[in-house]
Amino acid sequence: MRVKINKKVILEEDGIWDRQQRAHIQHLNNIDQVKSDIYDNNPGQYFFNPFVSGPISHGYTKGVKNIHNALYKGLKDDDSPDASTQANIRADVNKGAFNSELDVVASSIDQYKNAIEQARIKDPIQSIFNPFVAGPLTNVLINNASSNIKNMRYLTSPTSAYGDTLKK
């Protein structure tokens, strides 16, 4: 957003909605990437393991990611940067397709949760009263999802630790 003050143009920081949408798209990029990696490295797991995301779930993730990218490009502030298309959390799917998918999803949710919390700290009024941004209820739901995935990871693989499949 541009604000003119005494014939000077000041670029304001992008808004809370822009930051949260970029964080959400990054979350979808990470999930899409781990599903693509599972397909590339373990096609048998991808198609036949009912506990690993397969083509239907992967197609849904790609569709949601494309919709969010299109909405963000159409509605974002003119000065806001474009959303990233690359994953920033990767896993070694050869250490187990199921575990690597859970690790990436949980880490990506934590990253998204941190973006929401930073927005809440920086602009608490918007996060409470603006219906278009993630607020306190979303934060509670994301915290529950993150802890549930980490618990599932522990219960299904008690001999391995959460995050041991993630690439550094």
N, C-alpha and C. Protein backbone atom coordinates (compact mmCIF):
# COMPACT_ATOMS: atom_id res chain seq x y z
N MET A 1 0.85 -1.16 0.00
CA MET A 1 0.00 0.00 0.00
C MET A 1 0.90 1.23 0.00
N ARG A 2 0.55 2.21 -0.79
CA ARG A 2 1.35 3.43 -0.87
C ARG A 2 0.57 4.57 -0.19
N VAL A 3 1.29 5.33 0.59
CA VAL A 3 0.70 6.47 1.27
C VAL A 3 1.51 7.70 0.87
N LYS A 4 0.84 8.73 0.36
CA LYS A 4 1.54 9.95 -0.03
C LYS A 4 1.47 10.96 1.11
N ILE A 5 2.64 11.39 1.53
CA ILE A 5 2.73 12.40 2.57
C ILE A 5 3.70 13.45 2.06
N ASN A 6 3.19 14.67 1.86
CA ASN A 6 4.00 15.77 1.36
C ASN A 6 4.80 15.39 0.12
N LYS A 7 4.15 14.79 -0.85
CA LYS A 7 4.72 14.38 -2.12
C LYS A 7 5.80 13.30 -2.00
N LYS A 8 5.91 12.68 -0.84
CA LYS A 8 6.82 11.55 -0.66
C LYS A 8 5.98 10.29 -0.58
N VAL A 9 6.48 9.27 -1.17
CA VAL A 9 5.77 8.00 -1.14
C VAL A 9 6.44 7.11 -0.10
N ILE A 10 5.64 6.64 0.83
CA ILE A 10 6.14 5.75 1.88
C ILE A 10 5.52 4.38 1.65
N LEU A 11 6.34 3.36 1.60
CA LEU A 11 5.83 2.01 1.46
C LEU A 11 5.53 1.46 2.84
N GLU A 12 4.28 1.14 3.07
CA GLU A 12 3.91 0.54 4.33
C GLU A 12 4.24 -0.94 4.31
N GLU A 13 4.40 -1.49 5.46
CA GLU A 13 4.64 -2.92 5.59
C GLU A 13 3.39 -3.67 5.12
N ASP A 14 3.58 -4.85 4.51
CA ASP A 14 2.39 -5.57 4.07
C ASP A 14 1.56 -5.98 5.28
N GLY A 15 0.29 -6.14 5.00
CA GLY A 15 -0.66 -6.35 6.07
C GLY A 15 -0.65 -7.76 6.63
N ILE A 16 -1.43 -7.92 7.67
CA ILE A 16 -1.51 -9.19 8.38
C ILE A 16 -2.07 -10.28 7.47
N TRP A 17 -3.04 -9.95 6.64
CA TRP A 17 -3.63 -10.95 5.74
C TRP A 17 -2.58 -11.45 4.75
N ASP A 18 -1.80 -10.53 4.19
CA ASP A 18 -0.75 -10.91 3.24
C ASP A 18 0.26 -11.86 3.88
N ARG A 19 0.72 -11.52 5.07
CA ARG A 19 1.71 -12.37 5.75
C ARG A 19 1.14 -13.74 6.06
N GLN A 20 -0.10 -13.79 6.52
CA GLN A 20 -0.69 -15.08 6.86
C GLN A 20 -0.97 -15.93 5.62
N GLN A 21 -1.35 -15.31 4.54
CA GLN A 21 -1.58 -16.06 3.31
C GLN A 21 -0.28 -16.65 2.77
N ARG A 22 0.81 -15.88 2.84
CA ARG A 22 2.09 -16.41 2.40
C ARG A 22 2.52 -17.58 3.28
N ALA A 23 2.27 -17.49 4.59
CA ALA A 23 2.61 -18.59 5.50
C ALA A 23 1.77 -19.82 5.20
N HIS A 24 0.49 -19.62 4.89
CA HIS A 24 -0.39 -20.75 4.58
C HIS A 24 0.02 -21.41 3.26
N ILE A 25 0.37 -20.61 2.27
CA ILE A 25 0.83 -21.16 1.00
C ILE A 25 2.14 -21.91 1.19
N GLN A 26 3.02 -21.41 2.04
CA GLN A 26 4.27 -22.12 2.33
C GLN A 26 3.98 -23.47 2.98
N HIS A 27 3.01 -23.51 3.86
CA HIS A 27 2.57 -24.77 4.49
C HIS A 27 2.11 -25.76 3.42
N LEU A 28 1.31 -25.29 2.48
CA LEU A 28 0.83 -26.15 1.40
C LEU A 28 1.98 -26.59 0.49
N ASN A 29 2.96 -25.71 0.24
CA ASN A 29 4.14 -26.09 -0.56
C ASN A 29 4.89 -27.24 0.10
N ASN A 30 5.06 -27.17 1.42
CA ASN A 30 5.79 -28.22 2.14
C ASN A 30 5.07 -29.56 2.05
N ILE A 31 3.76 -29.54 2.22
CA ILE A 31 2.98 -30.78 2.17
C ILE A 31 2.98 -31.35 0.75
N ASP A 32 2.83 -30.49 -0.25
CA ASP A 32 2.87 -30.93 -1.64
C ASP A 32 4.22 -31.56 -1.96
N GLN A 33 5.29 -30.96 -1.47
CA GLN A 33 6.63 -31.47 -1.77
C GLN A 33 6.86 -32.85 -1.17
N VAL A 34 6.44 -33.07 0.07
CA VAL A 34 6.66 -34.39 0.68
C VAL A 34 5.83 -35.45 -0.05
N LYS A 35 4.65 -35.10 -0.49
CA LYS A 35 3.84 -36.07 -1.25
C LYS A 35 4.49 -36.37 -2.60
N SER A 36 5.06 -35.35 -3.24
CA SER A 36 5.77 -35.57 -4.50
C SER A 36 7.01 -36.44 -4.29
N ASP A 37 7.71 -36.20 -3.18
CA ASP A 37 8.90 -37.01 -2.88
C ASP A 37 8.52 -38.46 -2.63
N ILE A 38 7.42 -38.69 -1.94
CA ILE A 38 6.96 -40.07 -1.70
C ILE A 38 6.64 -40.73 -3.03
N TYR A 39 5.97 -40.00 -3.92
CA TYR A 39 5.65 -40.56 -5.24
C TYR A 39 6.93 -40.89 -6.02
N ASP A 40 7.90 -39.99 -5.99
CA ASP A 40 9.15 -40.20 -6.75
C ASP A 40 9.97 -41.36 -6.19
N ASN A 41 10.07 -41.47 -4.86
CA ASN A 41 10.96 -42.45 -4.25
C ASN A 41 10.29 -43.76 -3.86
N ASN A 42 9.00 -43.72 -3.56
CA ASN A 42 8.29 -44.92 -3.11
C ASN A 42 6.92 -45.01 -3.79
N PRO A 43 6.86 -45.24 -5.10
CA PRO A 43 5.55 -45.26 -5.76
C PRO A 43 4.63 -46.35 -5.23
N GLY A 44 5.18 -47.46 -4.78
CA GLY A 44 4.34 -48.52 -4.20
C GLY A 44 3.64 -48.03 -2.95
N GLN A 45 4.37 -47.33 -2.09
CA GLN A 45 3.77 -46.76 -0.87
C GLN A 45 2.71 -45.71 -1.25
N TYR A 46 3.04 -44.88 -2.23
CA TYR A 46 2.15 -43.80 -2.66
C TYR A 46 0.80 -44.34 -3.14
N PHE A 47 0.83 -45.42 -3.92
CA PHE A 47 -0.41 -45.94 -4.48
C PHE A 47 -1.11 -46.97 -3.61
N PHE A 48 -0.38 -47.76 -2.83
CA PHE A 48 -1.00 -48.89 -2.18
C PHE A 48 -1.05 -48.84 -0.66
N ASN A 49 -0.28 -47.97 -0.01
CA ASN A 49 -0.30 -47.89 1.44
C ASN A 49 -1.45 -46.98 1.88
N PRO A 50 -2.45 -47.51 2.59
CA PRO A 50 -3.58 -46.67 2.97
C PRO A 50 -3.24 -45.63 4.03
N PHE A 51 -2.07 -45.73 4.66
CA PHE A 51 -1.68 -44.77 5.71
C PHE A 51 -0.83 -43.63 5.18
N VAL A 52 -0.47 -43.69 3.91
CA VAL A 52 0.33 -42.65 3.27
C VAL A 52 -0.55 -41.95 2.25
N SER A 53 -0.38 -40.64 2.15
CA SER A 53 -1.18 -39.88 1.17
C SER A 53 -0.92 -40.39 -0.23
N GLY A 54 -1.99 -40.58 -0.96
CA GLY A 54 -1.89 -41.09 -2.32
C GLY A 54 -2.30 -40.06 -3.34
N PRO A 55 -2.67 -40.50 -4.52
CA PRO A 55 -2.97 -39.58 -5.60
C PRO A 55 -4.18 -38.69 -5.35
N ILE A 56 -5.17 -39.19 -4.66
CA ILE A 56 -6.36 -38.36 -4.40
C ILE A 56 -6.02 -37.23 -3.44
N SER A 57 -5.37 -37.56 -2.34
CA SER A 57 -4.96 -36.54 -1.37
C SER A 57 -3.96 -35.56 -1.98
N HIS A 58 -3.05 -36.08 -2.79
CA HIS A 58 -2.06 -35.22 -3.42
C HIS A 58 -2.72 -34.26 -4.42
N GLY A 59 -3.66 -34.77 -5.19
CA GLY A 59 -4.39 -33.91 -6.11
C GLY A 59 -5.17 -32.82 -5.40
N TYR A 60 -5.77 -33.19 -4.27
CA TYR A 60 -6.51 -32.21 -3.47
C TYR A 60 -5.56 -31.13 -2.95
N THR A 61 -4.39 -31.54 -2.45
CA THR A 61 -3.41 -30.56 -1.93
C THR A 61 -2.95 -29.63 -3.04
N LYS A 62 -2.66 -30.17 -4.21
CA LYS A 62 -2.24 -29.33 -5.34
C LYS A 62 -3.35 -28.34 -5.73
N GLY A 63 -4.59 -28.82 -5.74
CA GLY A 63 -5.70 -27.94 -6.09
C GLY A 63 -5.88 -26.81 -5.10
N VAL A 64 -5.84 -27.13 -3.81
CA VAL A 64 -5.98 -26.10 -2.77
C VAL A 64 -4.83 -25.11 -2.85
N LYS A 65 -3.62 -25.61 -3.09
CA LYS A 65 -2.46 -24.72 -3.21
C LYS A 65 -2.62 -23.77 -4.39
N ASN A 66 -3.08 -24.28 -5.52
CA ASN A 66 -3.28 -23.43 -6.69
C ASN A 66 -4.37 -22.40 -6.46
N ILE A 67 -5.43 -22.79 -5.79
CA ILE A 67 -6.51 -21.83 -5.48
C ILE A 67 -6.00 -20.73 -4.56
N HIS A 68 -5.26 -21.11 -3.52
CA HIS A 68 -4.72 -20.10 -2.59
C HIS A 68 -3.74 -19.18 -3.29
N ASN A 69 -2.89 -19.73 -4.17
CA ASN A 69 -1.96 -18.89 -4.92
C ASN A 69 -2.71 -17.89 -5.80
N ALA A 70 -3.74 -18.36 -6.50
CA ALA A 70 -4.51 -17.48 -7.38
C ALA A 70 -5.23 -16.38 -6.58
N LEU A 71 -5.84 -16.77 -5.46
CA LEU A 71 -6.51 -15.76 -4.63
C LEU A 71 -5.52 -14.75 -4.07
N TYR A 72 -4.38 -15.24 -3.62
CA TYR A 72 -3.38 -14.32 -3.07
C TYR A 72 -2.87 -13.36 -4.14
N LYS A 73 -2.59 -13.87 -5.34
CA LYS A 73 -2.11 -12.99 -6.41
C LYS A 73 -3.16 -11.95 -6.79
N GLY A 74 -4.44 -12.36 -6.76
CA GLY A 74 -5.49 -11.43 -7.14
C GLY A 74 -5.85 -10.42 -6.06
N LEU A 75 -5.70 -10.79 -4.80
CA LEU A 75 -6.16 -9.92 -3.72
C LEU A 75 -5.06 -9.28 -2.90
N LYS A 76 -3.81 -9.63 -3.14
CA LYS A 76 -2.72 -9.13 -2.30
C LYS A 76 -2.51 -7.64 -2.51
N ASP A 77 -1.86 -7.05 -1.53
CA ASP A 77 -1.45 -5.67 -1.62
C ASP A 77 -0.43 -5.55 -2.76
N ASP A 78 -0.50 -4.47 -3.51
CA ASP A 78 0.38 -4.30 -4.67
C ASP A 78 1.86 -4.40 -4.32
N ASP A 79 2.23 -3.96 -3.13
CA ASP A 79 3.63 -3.94 -2.74
C ASP A 79 4.08 -5.21 -2.04
N SER A 80 3.17 -6.12 -1.77
CA SER A 80 3.53 -7.36 -1.09
C SER A 80 4.24 -8.29 -2.06
N PRO A 81 5.20 -9.04 -1.55
CA PRO A 81 5.90 -9.98 -2.44
C PRO A 81 5.00 -11.15 -2.83
N ASP A 82 5.37 -11.81 -3.91
CA ASP A 82 4.65 -13.01 -4.31
C ASP A 82 4.93 -14.13 -3.32
N ALA A 83 4.03 -15.08 -3.26
CA ALA A 83 4.21 -16.23 -2.38
C ALA A 83 5.26 -17.16 -2.98
N SER A 84 6.00 -17.80 -2.11
CA SER A 84 7.03 -18.75 -2.55
C SER A 84 6.36 -19.98 -3.16
N THR A 85 7.05 -20.60 -4.08
CA THR A 85 6.54 -21.84 -4.66
C THR A 85 7.42 -23.03 -4.28
N GLN A 86 8.44 -22.79 -3.46
CA GLN A 86 9.36 -23.84 -3.05
C GLN A 86 9.10 -24.25 -1.60
N ALA A 87 9.33 -25.51 -1.32
CA ALA A 87 9.21 -26.02 0.04
C ALA A 87 10.43 -25.60 0.85
N ASN A 88 10.22 -25.25 2.11
CA ASN A 88 11.36 -24.92 2.97
C ASN A 88 11.57 -25.96 4.06
N ILE A 89 10.72 -26.98 4.10
CA ILE A 89 10.90 -28.11 5.01
C ILE A 89 10.87 -29.37 4.15
N ARG A 90 11.94 -30.12 4.19
CA ARG A 90 12.05 -31.33 3.38
C ARG A 90 12.35 -32.52 4.27
N ALA A 91 11.96 -33.70 3.82
CA ALA A 91 12.21 -34.93 4.58
C ALA A 91 12.86 -35.96 3.67
N ASP A 92 13.58 -36.85 4.30
CA ASP A 92 14.16 -37.99 3.59
C ASP A 92 13.11 -39.10 3.63
N VAL A 93 12.36 -39.25 2.55
CA VAL A 93 11.26 -40.22 2.54
C VAL A 93 11.75 -41.65 2.52
N ASN A 94 13.04 -41.87 2.29
CA ASN A 94 13.58 -43.22 2.34
C ASN A 94 13.67 -43.74 3.78
N LYS A 95 13.53 -42.85 4.76
CA LYS A 95 13.52 -43.26 6.17
C LYS A 95 12.12 -43.65 6.62
N GLY A 96 11.19 -43.71 5.71
CA GLY A 96 9.82 -44.10 6.01
C GLY A 96 8.85 -43.07 5.47
N ALA A 97 7.99 -43.50 4.57
CA ALA A 97 7.05 -42.58 3.94
C ALA A 97 6.08 -41.99 4.95
N PHE A 98 5.54 -42.85 5.81
CA PHE A 98 4.56 -42.40 6.80
C PHE A 98 5.19 -41.42 7.79
N ASN A 99 6.34 -41.78 8.36
CA ASN A 99 7.00 -40.93 9.34
C ASN A 99 7.45 -39.60 8.72
N SER A 100 7.99 -39.65 7.53
CA SER A 100 8.46 -38.41 6.91
C SER A 100 7.29 -37.47 6.61
N GLU A 101 6.17 -38.05 6.19
CA GLU A 101 5.00 -37.20 5.93
C GLU A 101 4.50 -36.55 7.22
N LEU A 102 4.43 -37.32 8.30
CA LEU A 102 4.00 -36.75 9.59
C LEU A 102 4.98 -35.69 10.08
N ASP A 103 6.28 -35.93 9.92
CA ASP A 103 7.27 -34.95 10.36
C ASP A 103 7.14 -33.64 9.60
N VAL A 104 6.97 -33.72 8.29
CA VAL A 104 6.85 -32.50 7.50
C VAL A 104 5.55 -31.77 7.83
N VAL A 105 4.46 -32.49 7.96
CA VAL A 105 3.18 -31.85 8.27
C VAL A 105 3.25 -31.16 9.63
N ALA A 106 3.78 -31.83 10.64
CA ALA A 106 3.87 -31.23 11.98
C ALA A 106 4.81 -30.02 11.98
N SER A 107 5.95 -30.12 11.34
CA SER A 107 6.89 -28.99 11.30
C SER A 107 6.30 -27.82 10.52
N SER A 108 5.60 -28.12 9.45
CA SER A 108 4.98 -27.07 8.65
C SER A 108 3.85 -26.39 9.42
N ILE A 109 3.09 -27.17 10.17
CA ILE A 109 2.04 -26.58 11.00
C ILE A 109 2.65 -25.69 12.07
N ASP A 110 3.76 -26.12 12.66
CA ASP A 110 4.44 -25.28 13.66
C ASP A 110 4.91 -23.98 13.05
N GLN A 111 5.43 -24.04 11.82
CA GLN A 111 5.87 -22.84 11.13
C GLN A 111 4.69 -21.89 10.88
N TYR A 112 3.57 -22.45 10.44
CA TYR A 112 2.37 -21.64 10.19
C TYR A 112 1.85 -21.06 11.50
N LYS A 113 1.89 -21.86 12.57
CA LYS A 113 1.44 -21.40 13.89
C LYS A 113 2.30 -20.22 14.36
N ASN A 114 3.60 -20.29 14.14
CA ASN A 114 4.48 -19.19 14.52
C ASN A 114 4.16 -17.91 13.75
N ALA A 115 3.81 -18.05 12.47
CA ALA A 115 3.43 -16.87 11.68
C ALA A 115 2.16 -16.25 12.23
N ILE A 116 1.20 -17.08 12.62
CA ILE A 116 -0.05 -16.56 13.19
C ILE A 116 0.22 -15.87 14.53
N GLU A 117 1.07 -16.47 15.36
CA GLU A 117 1.38 -15.87 16.66
C GLU A 117 2.12 -14.55 16.51
N GLN A 118 3.04 -14.48 15.53
CA GLN A 118 3.75 -13.22 15.30
C GLN A 118 2.78 -12.13 14.84
N ALA A 119 1.83 -12.50 14.01
CA ALA A 119 0.82 -11.53 13.56
C ALA A 119 -0.04 -11.08 14.73
N ARG A 120 -0.37 -12.01 15.61
CA ARG A 120 -1.19 -11.67 16.78
C ARG A 120 -0.45 -10.71 17.69
N ILE A 121 0.84 -10.94 17.87
CA ILE A 121 1.65 -10.06 18.73
C ILE A 121 1.80 -8.69 18.09
N LYS A 122 2.03 -8.68 16.79
CA LYS A 122 2.28 -7.42 16.09
C LYS A 122 1.01 -6.59 15.91
N ASP A 123 -0.11 -7.26 15.67
CA ASP A 123 -1.37 -6.55 15.40
C ASP A 123 -2.53 -7.27 16.08
N PRO A 124 -2.65 -7.16 17.42
CA PRO A 124 -3.66 -7.93 18.15
C PRO A 124 -5.11 -7.55 17.79
N ILE A 125 -5.35 -6.33 17.48
CA ILE A 125 -6.72 -5.89 17.15
C ILE A 125 -7.20 -6.58 15.88
N GLN A 126 -6.34 -6.59 14.85
CA GLN A 126 -6.71 -7.25 13.59
C GLN A 126 -6.93 -8.74 13.79
N SER A 127 -6.07 -9.37 14.58
CA SER A 127 -6.19 -10.82 14.75
C SER A 127 -7.45 -11.20 15.52
N ILE A 128 -7.98 -10.30 16.31
CA ILE A 128 -9.20 -10.60 17.06
C ILE A 128 -10.45 -10.23 16.26
N PHE A 129 -10.46 -9.04 15.64
CA PHE A 129 -11.68 -8.52 15.04
C PHE A 129 -11.79 -8.67 13.53
N ASN A 130 -10.70 -8.95 12.83
CA ASN A 130 -10.76 -9.07 11.39
C ASN A 130 -11.13 -10.51 11.02
N PRO A 131 -12.29 -10.72 10.40
CA PRO A 131 -12.72 -12.09 10.09
C PRO A 131 -11.93 -12.75 8.96
N PHE A 132 -11.08 -11.99 8.27
CA PHE A 132 -10.34 -12.54 7.15
C PHE A 132 -8.93 -13.00 7.52
N VAL A 133 -8.56 -12.87 8.77
CA VAL A 133 -7.25 -13.33 9.23
C VAL A 133 -7.44 -14.36 10.33
N ALA A 134 -6.42 -15.18 10.52
CA ALA A 134 -6.47 -16.21 11.55
C ALA A 134 -6.43 -15.54 12.92
N GLY A 135 -7.33 -15.94 13.77
CA GLY A 135 -7.43 -15.35 15.10
C GLY A 135 -7.18 -16.37 16.19
N PRO A 136 -7.68 -16.10 17.38
CA PRO A 136 -7.43 -16.98 18.52
C PRO A 136 -7.99 -18.40 18.32
N LEU A 137 -9.14 -18.53 17.73
CA LEU A 137 -9.72 -19.85 17.52
C LEU A 137 -8.86 -20.68 16.56
N THR A 138 -8.40 -20.06 15.50
CA THR A 138 -7.52 -20.76 14.56
C THR A 138 -6.23 -21.19 15.24
N ASN A 139 -5.71 -20.33 16.10
CA ASN A 139 -4.48 -20.65 16.82
C ASN A 139 -4.68 -21.88 17.72
N VAL A 140 -5.82 -21.95 18.39
CA VAL A 140 -6.12 -23.11 19.25
C VAL A 140 -6.24 -24.38 18.41
N LEU A 141 -6.94 -24.29 17.29
CA LEU A 141 -7.11 -25.46 16.41
C LEU A 141 -5.77 -25.93 15.85
N ILE A 142 -4.92 -25.01 15.47
CA ILE A 142 -3.61 -25.37 14.92
C ILE A 142 -2.73 -26.00 16.00
N ASN A 143 -2.77 -25.45 17.21
CA ASN A 143 -2.01 -26.04 18.31
C ASN A 143 -2.46 -27.48 18.56
N ASN A 144 -3.76 -27.72 18.54
CA ASN A 144 -4.28 -29.08 18.75
C ASN A 144 -3.85 -30.00 17.61
N ALA A 145 -3.92 -29.53 16.38
CA ALA A 145 -3.51 -30.35 15.25
C ALA A 145 -2.04 -30.72 15.33
N SER A 146 -1.21 -29.75 15.67
CA SER A 146 0.22 -30.00 15.77
C SER A 146 0.52 -31.04 16.85
N SER A 147 -0.07 -30.88 18.02
CA SER A 147 0.21 -31.84 19.09
C SER A 147 -0.37 -33.22 18.77
N ASN A 148 -1.52 -33.27 18.11
CA ASN A 148 -2.10 -34.56 17.74
C ASN A 148 -1.22 -35.31 16.73
N ILE A 149 -0.67 -34.59 15.78
CA ILE A 149 0.20 -35.23 14.78
C ILE A 149 1.47 -35.73 15.44
N LYS A 150 2.04 -34.93 16.35
CA LYS A 150 3.25 -35.37 17.05
C LYS A 150 2.96 -36.59 17.92
N ASN A 151 1.81 -36.63 18.57
CA ASN A 151 1.43 -37.80 19.36
C ASN A 151 1.22 -39.03 18.48
N MET A 152 0.59 -38.84 17.32
CA MET A 152 0.40 -39.95 16.39
C MET A 152 1.74 -40.47 15.91
N ARG A 153 2.65 -39.57 15.66
CA ARG A 153 4.00 -39.95 15.22
C ARG A 153 4.67 -40.80 16.30
N TYR A 154 4.52 -40.42 17.55
CA TYR A 154 5.14 -41.18 18.64
C TYR A 154 4.46 -42.55 18.81
N LEU A 155 3.15 -42.57 18.73
CA LEU A 155 2.43 -43.84 18.93
C LEU A 155 2.69 -44.84 17.81
N THR A 156 2.82 -44.36 16.59
CA THR A 156 3.02 -45.28 15.47
C THR A 156 4.48 -45.70 15.31
N SER A 157 5.40 -44.91 15.84
CA SER A 157 6.83 -45.22 15.72
C SER A 157 7.54 -44.90 17.03
N PRO A 158 7.32 -45.68 18.07
CA PRO A 158 7.92 -45.35 19.37
C PRO A 158 9.44 -45.50 19.40
N THR A 159 10.01 -46.18 18.42
CA THR A 159 11.47 -46.35 18.42
C THR A 159 12.21 -45.24 17.69
N SER A 160 11.49 -44.33 17.05
CA SER A 160 12.13 -43.21 16.36
C SER A 160 11.60 -41.91 16.94
N ALA A 161 12.34 -40.86 16.76
CA ALA A 161 11.97 -39.56 17.33
C ALA A 161 11.32 -38.68 16.28
N TYR A 162 10.46 -37.78 16.75
CA TYR A 162 9.84 -36.80 15.87
C TYR A 162 10.94 -35.95 15.24
N GLY A 163 10.88 -35.80 13.95
CA GLY A 163 11.82 -34.95 13.23
C GLY A 163 13.07 -35.65 12.73
N ASP A 164 13.20 -36.96 13.00
CA ASP A 164 14.42 -37.63 12.58
C ASP A 164 14.49 -37.86 11.06
N THR A 165 13.39 -37.67 10.36
CA THR A 165 13.42 -37.82 8.91
C THR A 165 13.65 -36.48 8.20
N LEU A 166 13.60 -35.39 8.93
CA LEU A 166 13.74 -34.07 8.31
C LEU A 166 15.18 -33.81 7.88
N LYS A 167 15.32 -33.19 6.72
CA LYS A 167 16.65 -32.82 6.23
C LYS A 167 17.04 -31.51 6.88
N LYS A 168 18.27 -31.42 7.25
CA LYS A 168 18.76 -30.20 7.91
C LYS A 168 19.24 -29.21 6.89
